[in-house]
ModelCIF file with pLDDT and N, C-alpha, C, O atoms, coordinates in Angstrom:
data_MODEL
#
_entry.id   MODEL 
#
_entity.id                         1 
_entity.type                       polymer 
_entity.pdbx_number_of_molecules   1 
#
_entity_poly.entity_id                      1 
_entity_poly.type                           'polypeptide(L)' 
_entity_poly.nstd_linkage                   no 
_entity_poly.nstd_monomer                   no 
_entity_poly.pdbx_seq_one_letter_code       DVEWHRILDVVIAPNPALTAAQQRVIELDYEMTEGQLIVKTRQALGF 
_entity_poly.pdbx_seq_one_letter_code_can   DVEWHRILDVVIAPNPALTAAQQRVIELDYEMTEGQLIVKTRQALGF 
_entity_poly.pdbx_strand_id                 A 
#
loop_
_entity_poly_seq.entity_id 
_entity_poly_seq.num 
_entity_poly_seq.mon_id 
_entity_poly_seq.hetero 
1 1  ASP n 
1 2  VAL n 
1 3  GLU n 
1 4  TRP n 
1 5  HIS n 
1 6  ARG n 
1 7  ILE n 
1 8  LEU n 
1 9  ASP n 
1 10 VAL n 
1 11 VAL n 
1 12 ILE n 
1 13 ALA n 
1 14 PRO n 
1 15 ASN n 
1 16 PRO n 
1 17 ALA n 
1 18 LEU n 
1 19 THR n 
1 20 ALA n 
1 21 ALA n 
1 22 GLN n 
1 23 GLN n 
1 24 ARG n 
1 25 VAL n 
1 26 ILE n 
1 27 GLU n 
1 28 LEU n 
1 29 ASP n 
1 30 TYR n 
1 31 GLU n 
1 32 MET n 
1 33 THR n 
1 34 GLU n 
1 35 GLY n 
1 36 GLN n 
1 37 LEU n 
1 38 ILE n 
1 39 VAL n 
1 40 LYS n 
1 41 THR n 
1 42 ARG n 
1 43 GLN n 
1 44 ALA n 
1 45 LEU n 
1 46 GLY n 
1 47 PHE n 
#
_struct_asym.id          A 
_struct_asym.entity_id   1 
#
loop_
_ma_qa_metric.id 
_ma_qa_metric.mode 
_ma_qa_metric.name 
_ma_qa_metric.software_group_id 
_ma_qa_metric.type 
1 global pLDDT . pLDDT 
2 local  pLDDT . pLDDT 
#
_ma_qa_metric_global.metric_id      1 
_ma_qa_metric_global.metric_value   95.91 
_ma_qa_metric_global.model_id       1 
_ma_qa_metric_global.ordinal_id     1 
#
loop_
_ma_qa_metric_local.label_asym_id 
_ma_qa_metric_local.label_comp_id 
_ma_qa_metric_local.label_seq_id 
_ma_qa_metric_local.metric_id 
_ma_qa_metric_local.metric_value 
_ma_qa_metric_local.model_id 
_ma_qa_metric_local.ordinal_id 
A ASP 1  2 97.00 1 1  
A VAL 2  2 97.00 1 2  
A GLU 3  2 97.00 1 3  
A TRP 4  2 97.00 1 4  
A HIS 5  2 97.00 1 5  
A ARG 6  2 98.00 1 6  
A ILE 7  2 98.00 1 7  
A LEU 8  2 98.00 1 8  
A ASP 9  2 97.00 1 9  
A VAL 10 2 97.00 1 10 
A VAL 11 2 97.00 1 11 
A ILE 12 2 97.00 1 12 
A ALA 13 2 96.00 1 13 
A PRO 14 2 96.00 1 14 
A ASN 15 2 94.00 1 15 
A PRO 16 2 93.00 1 16 
A ALA 17 2 92.00 1 17 
A LEU 18 2 93.00 1 18 
A THR 19 2 94.00 1 19 
A ALA 20 2 95.00 1 20 
A ALA 21 2 96.00 1 21 
A GLN 22 2 95.00 1 22 
A GLN 23 2 95.00 1 23 
A ARG 24 2 96.00 1 24 
A VAL 25 2 96.00 1 25 
A ILE 26 2 96.00 1 26 
A GLU 27 2 96.00 1 27 
A LEU 28 2 96.00 1 28 
A ASP 29 2 95.00 1 29 
A TYR 30 2 94.00 1 30 
A GLU 31 2 94.00 1 31 
A MET 32 2 96.00 1 32 
A THR 33 2 95.00 1 33 
A GLU 34 2 93.00 1 34 
A GLY 35 2 95.00 1 35 
A GLN 36 2 96.00 1 36 
A LEU 37 2 97.00 1 37 
A ILE 38 2 97.00 1 38 
A VAL 39 2 97.00 1 39 
A LYS 40 2 97.00 1 40 
A THR 41 2 97.00 1 41 
A ARG 42 2 97.00 1 42 
A GLN 43 2 97.00 1 43 
A ALA 44 2 97.00 1 44 
A LEU 45 2 97.00 1 45 
A GLY 46 2 96.00 1 46 
A PHE 47 2 95.00 1 47 
#
loop_
_atom_site.group_PDB 
_atom_site.id 
_atom_site.type_symbol 
_atom_site.label_atom_id 
_atom_site.label_alt_id 
_atom_site.label_comp_id 
_atom_site.label_asym_id 
_atom_site.label_entity_id 
_atom_site.label_seq_id 
_atom_site.pdbx_PDB_ins_code 
_atom_site.Cartn_x 
_atom_site.Cartn_y 
_atom_site.Cartn_z 
_atom_site.occupancy 
_atom_site.B_iso_or_equiv 
_atom_site.pdbx_formal_charge 
_atom_site.auth_seq_id 
_atom_site.auth_comp_id 
_atom_site.auth_asym_id 
_atom_site.auth_atom_id 
_atom_site.pdbx_PDB_model_num 
ATOM 1   N N  . ASP A 1 1  ? 0.691  9.689   21.043 1.00 97.00 ? 1  ASP A N  1 
ATOM 2   C CA . ASP A 1 1  ? 0.708  8.221   21.045 1.00 97.00 ? 1  ASP A CA 1 
ATOM 3   C C  . ASP A 1 1  ? 1.130  7.745   19.652 1.00 97.00 ? 1  ASP A C  1 
ATOM 4   O O  . ASP A 1 1  ? 0.296  7.398   18.816 1.00 97.00 ? 1  ASP A O  1 
ATOM 5   N N  . VAL A 1 2  ? 2.420  7.739   19.434 1.00 97.00 ? 2  VAL A N  1 
ATOM 6   C CA . VAL A 1 2  ? 2.972  7.436   18.110 1.00 97.00 ? 2  VAL A CA 1 
ATOM 7   C C  . VAL A 1 2  ? 2.568  6.035   17.644 1.00 97.00 ? 2  VAL A C  1 
ATOM 8   O O  . VAL A 1 2  ? 2.245  5.845   16.471 1.00 97.00 ? 2  VAL A O  1 
ATOM 9   N N  . GLU A 1 3  ? 2.582  5.064   18.541 1.00 97.00 ? 3  GLU A N  1 
ATOM 10  C CA . GLU A 1 3  ? 2.275  3.689   18.159 1.00 97.00 ? 3  GLU A CA 1 
ATOM 11  C C  . GLU A 1 3  ? 0.823  3.547   17.702 1.00 97.00 ? 3  GLU A C  1 
ATOM 12  O O  . GLU A 1 3  ? 0.506  2.669   16.900 1.00 97.00 ? 3  GLU A O  1 
ATOM 13  N N  . TRP A 1 4  ? -0.049 4.403   18.207 1.00 97.00 ? 4  TRP A N  1 
ATOM 14  C CA . TRP A 1 4  ? -1.451 4.346   17.776 1.00 97.00 ? 4  TRP A CA 1 
ATOM 15  C C  . TRP A 1 4  ? -1.607 4.956   16.382 1.00 97.00 ? 4  TRP A C  1 
ATOM 16  O O  . TRP A 1 4  ? -2.379 4.452   15.567 1.00 97.00 ? 4  TRP A O  1 
ATOM 17  N N  . HIS A 1 5  ? -0.894 6.010   16.117 1.00 97.00 ? 5  HIS A N  1 
ATOM 18  C CA . HIS A 1 5  ? -1.071 6.734   14.862 1.00 97.00 ? 5  HIS A CA 1 
ATOM 19  C C  . HIS A 1 5  ? -0.201 6.200   13.722 1.00 97.00 ? 5  HIS A C  1 
ATOM 20  O O  . HIS A 1 5  ? -0.496 6.463   12.556 1.00 97.00 ? 5  HIS A O  1 
ATOM 21  N N  . ARG A 1 6  ? 0.867  5.456   14.035 1.00 98.00 ? 6  ARG A N  1 
ATOM 22  C CA . ARG A 1 6  ? 1.721  4.916   12.971 1.00 98.00 ? 6  ARG A CA 1 
ATOM 23  C C  . ARG A 1 6  ? 1.049  3.693   12.338 1.00 98.00 ? 6  ARG A C  1 
ATOM 24  O O  . ARG A 1 6  ? 0.601  2.786   13.040 1.00 98.00 ? 6  ARG A O  1 
ATOM 25  N N  . ILE A 1 7  ? 0.986  3.682   11.009 1.00 98.00 ? 7  ILE A N  1 
ATOM 26  C CA . ILE A 1 7  ? 0.395  2.570   10.266 1.00 98.00 ? 7  ILE A CA 1 
ATOM 27  C C  . ILE A 1 7  ? 1.507  1.703   9.678  1.00 98.00 ? 7  ILE A C  1 
ATOM 28  O O  . ILE A 1 7  ? 2.426  2.204   9.030  1.00 98.00 ? 7  ILE A O  1 
ATOM 29  N N  . LEU A 1 8  ? 1.410  0.407   9.913  1.00 98.00 ? 8  LEU A N  1 
ATOM 30  C CA . LEU A 1 8  ? 2.390  -0.555  9.405  1.00 98.00 ? 8  LEU A CA 1 
ATOM 31  C C  . LEU A 1 8  ? 1.779  -1.387  8.281  1.00 98.00 ? 8  LEU A C  1 
ATOM 32  O O  . LEU A 1 8  ? 0.572  -1.628  8.244  1.00 98.00 ? 8  LEU A O  1 
ATOM 33  N N  . ASP A 1 9  ? 2.640  -1.816  7.373  1.00 97.00 ? 9  ASP A N  1 
ATOM 34  C CA . ASP A 1 9  ? 2.245  -2.780  6.340  1.00 97.00 ? 9  ASP A CA 1 
ATOM 35  C C  . ASP A 1 9  ? 2.689  -4.166  6.782  1.00 97.00 ? 9  ASP A C  1 
ATOM 36  O O  . ASP A 1 9  ? 3.881  -4.415  6.965  1.00 97.00 ? 9  ASP A O  1 
ATOM 37  N N  . VAL A 1 10 ? 1.730  -5.064  6.953  1.00 97.00 ? 10 VAL A N  1 
ATOM 38  C CA . VAL A 1 10 ? 2.026  -6.459  7.262  1.00 97.00 ? 10 VAL A CA 1 
ATOM 39  C C  . VAL A 1 10 ? 1.862  -7.245  5.963  1.00 97.00 ? 10 VAL A C  1 
ATOM 40  O O  . VAL A 1 10 ? 0.764  -7.326  5.413  1.00 97.00 ? 10 VAL A O  1 
ATOM 41  N N  . VAL A 1 11 ? 2.959  -7.821  5.477  1.00 97.00 ? 11 VAL A N  1 
ATOM 42  C CA . VAL A 1 11 ? 2.939  -8.518  4.189  1.00 97.00 ? 11 VAL A CA 1 
ATOM 43  C C  . VAL A 1 11 ? 2.909  -10.022 4.435  1.00 97.00 ? 11 VAL A C  1 
ATOM 44  O O  . VAL A 1 11 ? 3.806  -10.578 5.069  1.00 97.00 ? 11 VAL A O  1 
ATOM 45  N N  . ILE A 1 12 ? 1.876  -10.665 3.930  1.00 97.00 ? 12 ILE A N  1 
ATOM 46  C CA . ILE A 1 12 ? 1.756  -12.120 4.095  1.00 97.00 ? 12 ILE A CA 1 
ATOM 47  C C  . ILE A 1 12 ? 1.750  -12.795 2.732  1.00 97.00 ? 12 ILE A C  1 
ATOM 48  O O  . ILE A 1 12 ? 1.429  -12.185 1.712  1.00 97.00 ? 12 ILE A O  1 
ATOM 49  N N  . ALA A 1 13 ? 2.117  -14.085 2.746  1.00 96.00 ? 13 ALA A N  1 
ATOM 50  C CA . ALA A 1 13 ? 2.180  -14.876 1.516  1.00 96.00 ? 13 ALA A CA 1 
ATOM 51  C C  . ALA A 1 13 ? 1.916  -16.333 1.879  1.00 96.00 ? 13 ALA A C  1 
ATOM 52  O O  . ALA A 1 13 ? 1.982  -16.692 3.055  1.00 96.00 ? 13 ALA A O  1 
ATOM 53  N N  . PRO A 1 14 ? 1.618  -17.179 0.897  1.00 96.00 ? 14 PRO A N  1 
ATOM 54  C CA . PRO A 1 14 ? 1.445  -18.603 1.188  1.00 96.00 ? 14 PRO A CA 1 
ATOM 55  C C  . PRO A 1 14 ? 2.740  -19.200 1.729  1.00 96.00 ? 14 PRO A C  1 
ATOM 56  O O  . PRO A 1 14 ? 3.832  -18.774 1.354  1.00 96.00 ? 14 PRO A O  1 
ATOM 57  N N  . ASN A 1 15 ? 2.615  -20.171 2.596  1.00 94.00 ? 15 ASN A N  1 
ATOM 58  C CA . ASN A 1 15 ? 3.793  -20.862 3.126  1.00 94.00 ? 15 ASN A CA 1 
ATOM 59  C C  . ASN A 1 15 ? 4.519  -21.557 1.968  1.00 94.00 ? 15 ASN A C  1 
ATOM 60  O O  . ASN A 1 15 ? 3.925  -22.392 1.285  1.00 94.00 ? 15 ASN A O  1 
ATOM 61  N N  . PRO A 1 16 ? 5.787  -21.227 1.740  1.00 93.00 ? 16 PRO A N  1 
ATOM 62  C CA . PRO A 1 16 ? 6.510  -21.826 0.598  1.00 93.00 ? 16 PRO A CA 1 
ATOM 63  C C  . PRO A 1 16 ? 6.687  -23.339 0.726  1.00 93.00 ? 16 PRO A C  1 
ATOM 64  O O  . PRO A 1 16 ? 7.046  -24.003 -0.247 1.00 93.00 ? 16 PRO A O  1 
ATOM 65  N N  . ALA A 1 17 ? 6.439  -23.889 1.916  1.00 92.00 ? 17 ALA A N  1 
ATOM 66  C CA . ALA A 1 17 ? 6.555  -25.342 2.076  1.00 92.00 ? 17 ALA A CA 1 
ATOM 67  C C  . ALA A 1 17 ? 5.354  -26.084 1.483  1.00 92.00 ? 17 ALA A C  1 
ATOM 68  O O  . ALA A 1 17 ? 5.386  -27.308 1.353  1.00 92.00 ? 17 ALA A O  1 
ATOM 69  N N  . LEU A 1 18 ? 4.306  -25.358 1.127  1.00 93.00 ? 18 LEU A N  1 
ATOM 70  C CA . LEU A 1 18 ? 3.147  -25.968 0.475  1.00 93.00 ? 18 LEU A CA 1 
ATOM 71  C C  . LEU A 1 18 ? 3.448  -26.214 -0.993 1.00 93.00 ? 18 LEU A C  1 
ATOM 72  O O  . LEU A 1 18 ? 4.361  -25.607 -1.553 1.00 93.00 ? 18 LEU A O  1 
ATOM 73  N N  . THR A 1 19 ? 2.695  -27.088 -1.610 1.00 94.00 ? 19 THR A N  1 
ATOM 74  C CA . THR A 1 19 ? 2.849  -27.320 -3.042 1.00 94.00 ? 19 THR A CA 1 
ATOM 75  C C  . THR A 1 19 ? 2.365  -26.090 -3.804 1.00 94.00 ? 19 THR A C  1 
ATOM 76  O O  . THR A 1 19 ? 1.668  -25.240 -3.250 1.00 94.00 ? 19 THR A O  1 
ATOM 77  N N  . ALA A 1 20 ? 2.733  -26.004 -5.060 1.00 95.00 ? 20 ALA A N  1 
ATOM 78  C CA . ALA A 1 20 ? 2.320  -24.866 -5.883 1.00 95.00 ? 20 ALA A CA 1 
ATOM 79  C C  . ALA A 1 20 ? 0.799  -24.772 -5.957 1.00 95.00 ? 20 ALA A C  1 
ATOM 80  O O  . ALA A 1 20 ? 0.239  -23.677 -5.897 1.00 95.00 ? 20 ALA A O  1 
ATOM 81  N N  . ALA A 1 21 ? 0.134  -25.913 -6.088 1.00 96.00 ? 21 ALA A N  1 
ATOM 82  C CA . ALA A 1 21 ? -1.325 -25.916 -6.156 1.00 96.00 ? 21 ALA A CA 1 
ATOM 83  C C  . ALA A 1 21 ? -1.936 -25.443 -4.841 1.00 96.00 ? 21 ALA A C  1 
ATOM 84  O O  . ALA A 1 21 ? -2.909 -24.689 -4.832 1.00 96.00 ? 21 ALA A O  1 
ATOM 85  N N  . GLN A 1 22 ? -1.352 -25.896 -3.728 1.00 95.00 ? 22 GLN A N  1 
ATOM 86  C CA . GLN A 1 22 ? -1.857 -25.485 -2.420 1.00 95.00 ? 22 GLN A CA 1 
ATOM 87  C C  . GLN A 1 22 ? -1.629 -23.984 -2.196 1.00 95.00 ? 22 GLN A C  1 
ATOM 88  O O  . GLN A 1 22 ? -2.482 -23.298 -1.633 1.00 95.00 ? 22 GLN A O  1 
ATOM 89  N N  . GLN A 1 23 ? -0.476 -23.483 -2.640 1.00 95.00 ? 23 GLN A N  1 
ATOM 90  C CA . GLN A 1 23 ? -0.212 -22.052 -2.506 1.00 95.00 ? 23 GLN A CA 1 
ATOM 91  C C  . GLN A 1 23 ? -1.231 -21.243 -3.296 1.00 95.00 ? 23 GLN A C  1 
ATOM 92  O O  . GLN A 1 23 ? -1.658 -20.178 -2.850 1.00 95.00 ? 23 GLN A O  1 
ATOM 93  N N  . ARG A 1 24 ? -1.625 -21.740 -4.463 1.00 96.00 ? 24 ARG A N  1 
ATOM 94  C CA . ARG A 1 24 ? -2.622 -21.040 -5.273 1.00 96.00 ? 24 ARG A CA 1 
ATOM 95  C C  . ARG A 1 24 ? -3.958 -20.976 -4.539 1.00 96.00 ? 24 ARG A C  1 
ATOM 96  O O  . ARG A 1 24 ? -4.663 -19.970 -4.617 1.00 96.00 ? 24 ARG A O  1 
ATOM 97  N N  . VAL A 1 25 ? -4.304 -22.042 -3.831 1.00 96.00 ? 25 VAL A N  1 
ATOM 98  C CA . VAL A 1 25 ? -5.546 -22.039 -3.054 1.00 96.00 ? 25 VAL A CA 1 
ATOM 99  C C  . VAL A 1 25 ? -5.494 -20.966 -1.969 1.00 96.00 ? 25 VAL A C  1 
ATOM 100 O O  . VAL A 1 25 ? -6.469 -20.246 -1.755 1.00 96.00 ? 25 VAL A O  1 
ATOM 101 N N  . ILE A 1 26 ? -4.360 -20.862 -1.290 1.00 96.00 ? 26 ILE A N  1 
ATOM 102 C CA . ILE A 1 26 ? -4.213 -19.853 -0.235 1.00 96.00 ? 26 ILE A CA 1 
ATOM 103 C C  . ILE A 1 26 ? -4.287 -18.446 -0.837 1.00 96.00 ? 26 ILE A C  1 
ATOM 104 O O  . ILE A 1 26 ? -4.873 -17.544 -0.238 1.00 96.00 ? 26 ILE A O  1 
ATOM 105 N N  . GLU A 1 27 ? -3.697 -18.259 -2.017 1.00 96.00 ? 27 GLU A N  1 
ATOM 106 C CA . GLU A 1 27 ? -3.787 -16.961 -2.689 1.00 96.00 ? 27 GLU A CA 1 
ATOM 107 C C  . GLU A 1 27 ? -5.243 -16.600 -2.957 1.00 96.00 ? 27 GLU A C  1 
ATOM 108 O O  . GLU A 1 27 ? -5.633 -15.442 -2.808 1.00 96.00 ? 27 GLU A O  1 
ATOM 109 N N  . LEU A 1 28 ? -6.038 -17.570 -3.347 1.00 96.00 ? 28 LEU A N  1 
ATOM 110 C CA . LEU A 1 28 ? -7.462 -17.332 -3.590 1.00 96.00 ? 28 LEU A CA 1 
ATOM 111 C C  . LEU A 1 28 ? -8.196 -17.026 -2.290 1.00 96.00 ? 28 LEU A C  1 
ATOM 112 O O  . LEU A 1 28 ? -9.053 -16.143 -2.242 1.00 96.00 ? 28 LEU A O  1 
ATOM 113 N N  . ASP A 1 29 ? -7.852 -17.766 -1.233 1.00 95.00 ? 29 ASP A N  1 
ATOM 114 C CA . ASP A 1 29 ? -8.511 -17.556 0.067  1.00 95.00 ? 29 ASP A CA 1 
ATOM 115 C C  . ASP A 1 29 ? -8.349 -16.121 0.547  1.00 95.00 ? 29 ASP A C  1 
ATOM 116 O O  . ASP A 1 29 ? -9.285 -15.537 1.093  1.00 95.00 ? 29 ASP A O  1 
ATOM 117 N N  . TYR A 1 30 ? -7.164 -15.553 0.347  1.00 94.00 ? 30 TYR A N  1 
ATOM 118 C CA . TYR A 1 30 ? -6.852 -14.227 0.884  1.00 94.00 ? 30 TYR A CA 1 
ATOM 119 C C  . TYR A 1 30 ? -6.886 -13.128 -0.183 1.00 94.00 ? 30 TYR A C  1 
ATOM 120 O O  . TYR A 1 30 ? -6.531 -11.982 0.092  1.00 94.00 ? 30 TYR A O  1 
ATOM 121 N N  . GLU A 1 31 ? -7.312 -13.480 -1.398 1.00 94.00 ? 31 GLU A N  1 
ATOM 122 C CA . GLU A 1 31 ? -7.345 -12.515 -2.512 1.00 94.00 ? 31 GLU A CA 1 
ATOM 123 C C  . GLU A 1 31 ? -5.984 -11.830 -2.677 1.00 94.00 ? 31 GLU A C  1 
ATOM 124 O O  . GLU A 1 31 ? -5.889 -10.606 -2.761 1.00 94.00 ? 31 GLU A O  1 
ATOM 125 N N  . MET A 1 32 ? -4.951 -12.645 -2.718 1.00 96.00 ? 32 MET A N  1 
ATOM 126 C CA . MET A 1 32 ? -3.599 -12.102 -2.872 1.00 96.00 ? 32 MET A CA 1 
ATOM 127 C C  . MET A 1 32 ? -3.351 -11.664 -4.298 1.00 96.00 ? 32 MET A C  1 
ATOM 128 O O  . MET A 1 32 ? -3.936 -12.193 -5.244 1.00 96.00 ? 32 MET A O  1 
ATOM 129 N N  . THR A 1 33 ? -2.474 -10.685 -4.433 1.00 95.00 ? 33 THR A N  1 
ATOM 130 C CA . THR A 1 33 ? -2.050 -10.204 -5.741 1.00 95.00 ? 33 THR A CA 1 
ATOM 131 C C  . THR A 1 33 ? -0.582 -10.540 -5.928 1.00 95.00 ? 33 THR A C  1 
ATOM 132 O O  . THR A 1 33 ? 0.261  -10.154 -5.118 1.00 95.00 ? 33 THR A O  1 
ATOM 133 N N  . GLU A 1 34 ? -0.281 -11.262 -7.003 1.00 93.00 ? 34 GLU A N  1 
ATOM 134 C CA . GLU A 1 34 ? 1.089  -11.714 -7.272 1.00 93.00 ? 34 GLU A CA 1 
ATOM 135 C C  . GLU A 1 34 ? 1.674  -12.432 -6.067 1.00 93.00 ? 34 GLU A C  1 
ATOM 136 O O  . GLU A 1 34 ? 2.845  -12.252 -5.733 1.00 93.00 ? 34 GLU A O  1 
ATOM 137 N N  . GLY A 1 35 ? 0.859  -13.238 -5.422 1.00 95.00 ? 35 GLY A N  1 
ATOM 138 C CA . GLY A 1 35 ? 1.333  -14.096 -4.342 1.00 95.00 ? 35 GLY A CA 1 
ATOM 139 C C  . GLY A 1 35 ? 1.492  -13.437 -2.993 1.00 95.00 ? 35 GLY A C  1 
ATOM 140 O O  . GLY A 1 35 ? 2.056  -14.043 -2.082 1.00 95.00 ? 35 GLY A O  1 
ATOM 141 N N  . GLN A 1 36 ? 1.008  -12.201 -2.831 1.00 96.00 ? 36 GLN A N  1 
ATOM 142 C CA . GLN A 1 36 ? 1.155  -11.514 -1.554 1.00 96.00 ? 36 GLN A CA 1 
ATOM 143 C C  . GLN A 1 36 ? -0.097 -10.695 -1.227 1.00 96.00 ? 36 GLN A C  1 
ATOM 144 O O  . GLN A 1 36 ? -0.893 -10.355 -2.102 1.00 96.00 ? 36 GLN A O  1 
ATOM 145 N N  . LEU A 1 37 ? -0.238 -10.396 0.056  1.00 97.00 ? 37 LEU A N  1 
ATOM 146 C CA . LEU A 1 37 ? -1.310 -9.510  0.509  1.00 97.00 ? 37 LEU A CA 1 
ATOM 147 C C  . LEU A 1 37 ? -0.720 -8.555  1.545  1.00 97.00 ? 37 LEU A C  1 
ATOM 148 O O  . LEU A 1 37 ? -0.018 -8.980  2.463  1.00 97.00 ? 37 LEU A O  1 
ATOM 149 N N  . ILE A 1 38 ? -1.007 -7.272  1.391  1.00 97.00 ? 38 ILE A N  1 
ATOM 150 C CA . ILE A 1 38 ? -0.571 -6.270  2.363  1.00 97.00 ? 38 ILE A CA 1 
ATOM 151 C C  . ILE A 1 38 ? -1.753 -5.900  3.246  1.00 97.00 ? 38 ILE A C  1 
ATOM 152 O O  . ILE A 1 38 ? -2.787 -5.444  2.757  1.00 97.00 ? 38 ILE A O  1 
ATOM 153 N N  . VAL A 1 39 ? -1.593 -6.101  4.545  1.00 97.00 ? 39 VAL A N  1 
ATOM 154 C CA . VAL A 1 39 ? -2.624 -5.747  5.524  1.00 97.00 ? 39 VAL A CA 1 
ATOM 155 C C  . VAL A 1 39 ? -2.110 -4.556  6.322  1.00 97.00 ? 39 VAL A C  1 
ATOM 156 O O  . VAL A 1 39 ? -1.056 -4.627  6.955  1.00 97.00 ? 39 VAL A O  1 
ATOM 157 N N  . LYS A 1 40 ? -2.853 -3.475  6.286  1.00 97.00 ? 40 LYS A N  1 
ATOM 158 C CA . LYS A 1 40 ? -2.452 -2.283  7.036  1.00 97.00 ? 40 LYS A CA 1 
ATOM 159 C C  . LYS A 1 40 ? -3.007 -2.347  8.452  1.00 97.00 ? 40 LYS A C  1 
ATOM 160 O O  . LYS A 1 40 ? -4.159 -2.729  8.658  1.00 97.00 ? 40 LYS A O  1 
ATOM 161 N N  . THR A 1 41 ? -2.186 -1.974  9.423  1.00 97.00 ? 41 THR A N  1 
ATOM 162 C CA . THR A 1 41 ? -2.608 -2.019  10.819 1.00 97.00 ? 41 THR A CA 1 
ATOM 163 C C  . THR A 1 41 ? -1.888 -0.935  11.612 1.00 97.00 ? 41 THR A C  1 
ATOM 164 O O  . THR A 1 41 ? -0.776 -0.536  11.267 1.00 97.00 ? 41 THR A O  1 
ATOM 165 N N  . ARG A 1 42 ? -2.522 -0.470  12.662 1.00 97.00 ? 42 ARG A N  1 
ATOM 166 C CA . ARG A 1 42 ? -1.835 0.442   13.578 1.00 97.00 ? 42 ARG A CA 1 
ATOM 167 C C  . ARG A 1 42 ? -0.724 -0.337  14.290 1.00 97.00 ? 42 ARG A C  1 
ATOM 168 O O  . ARG A 1 42 ? -0.880 -1.520  14.593 1.00 97.00 ? 42 ARG A O  1 
ATOM 169 N N  . GLN A 1 43 ? 0.379  0.331   14.549 1.00 97.00 ? 43 GLN A N  1 
ATOM 170 C CA . GLN A 1 43 ? 1.461  -0.332  15.268 1.00 97.00 ? 43 GLN A CA 1 
ATOM 171 C C  . GLN A 1 43 ? 0.971  -0.888  16.602 1.00 97.00 ? 43 GLN A C  1 
ATOM 172 O O  . GLN A 1 43 ? 1.372  -1.980  17.003 1.00 97.00 ? 43 GLN A O  1 
ATOM 173 N N  . ALA A 1 44 ? 0.109  -0.145  17.290 1.00 97.00 ? 44 ALA A N  1 
ATOM 174 C CA . ALA A 1 44 ? -0.384 -0.583  18.590 1.00 97.00 ? 44 ALA A CA 1 
ATOM 175 C C  . ALA A 1 44 ? -1.223 -1.855  18.497 1.00 97.00 ? 44 ALA A C  1 
ATOM 176 O O  . ALA A 1 44 ? -1.383 -2.567  19.489 1.00 97.00 ? 44 ALA A O  1 
ATOM 177 N N  . LEU A 1 45 ? -1.759 -2.144  17.311 1.00 97.00 ? 45 LEU A N  1 
ATOM 178 C CA . LEU A 1 45 ? -2.587 -3.342  17.129 1.00 97.00 ? 45 LEU A CA 1 
ATOM 179 C C  . LEU A 1 45 ? -1.865 -4.426  16.335 1.00 97.00 ? 45 LEU A C  1 
ATOM 180 O O  . LEU A 1 45 ? -2.409 -5.509  16.121 1.00 97.00 ? 45 LEU A O  1 
ATOM 181 N N  . GLY A 1 46 ? -0.642 -4.133  15.899 1.00 96.00 ? 46 GLY A N  1 
ATOM 182 C CA . GLY A 1 46 ? 0.055  -5.048  15.013 1.00 96.00 ? 46 GLY A CA 1 
ATOM 183 C C  . GLY A 1 46 ? 0.299  -6.429  15.582 1.00 96.00 ? 46 GLY A C  1 
ATOM 184 O O  . GLY A 1 46 ? 0.082  -7.432  14.901 1.00 96.00 ? 46 GLY A O  1 
ATOM 185 N N  . PHE A 1 47 ? 0.755  -6.492  16.846 1.00 95.00 ? 47 PHE A N  1 
ATOM 186 C CA . PHE A 1 47 ? 1.058  -7.808  17.411 1.00 95.00 ? 47 PHE A CA 1 
ATOM 187 C C  . PHE A 1 47 ? -0.219 -8.616  17.626 1.00 95.00 ? 47 PHE A C  1 
ATOM 188 O O  . PHE A 1 47 ? -0.159 -9.753  18.096 1.00 95.00 ? 47 PHE A O  1 
#
């Protein structure tokens, strides 16, 4: 079951349509590093 065992990196960031101050708040909410957060997930659970 390749999709179960394969691990994907899901990279998220603040919506660029937000103001700089609002983006900083989102970075704090998700503990982002340099404006991004990598969430690891099994391919089978990714969607």
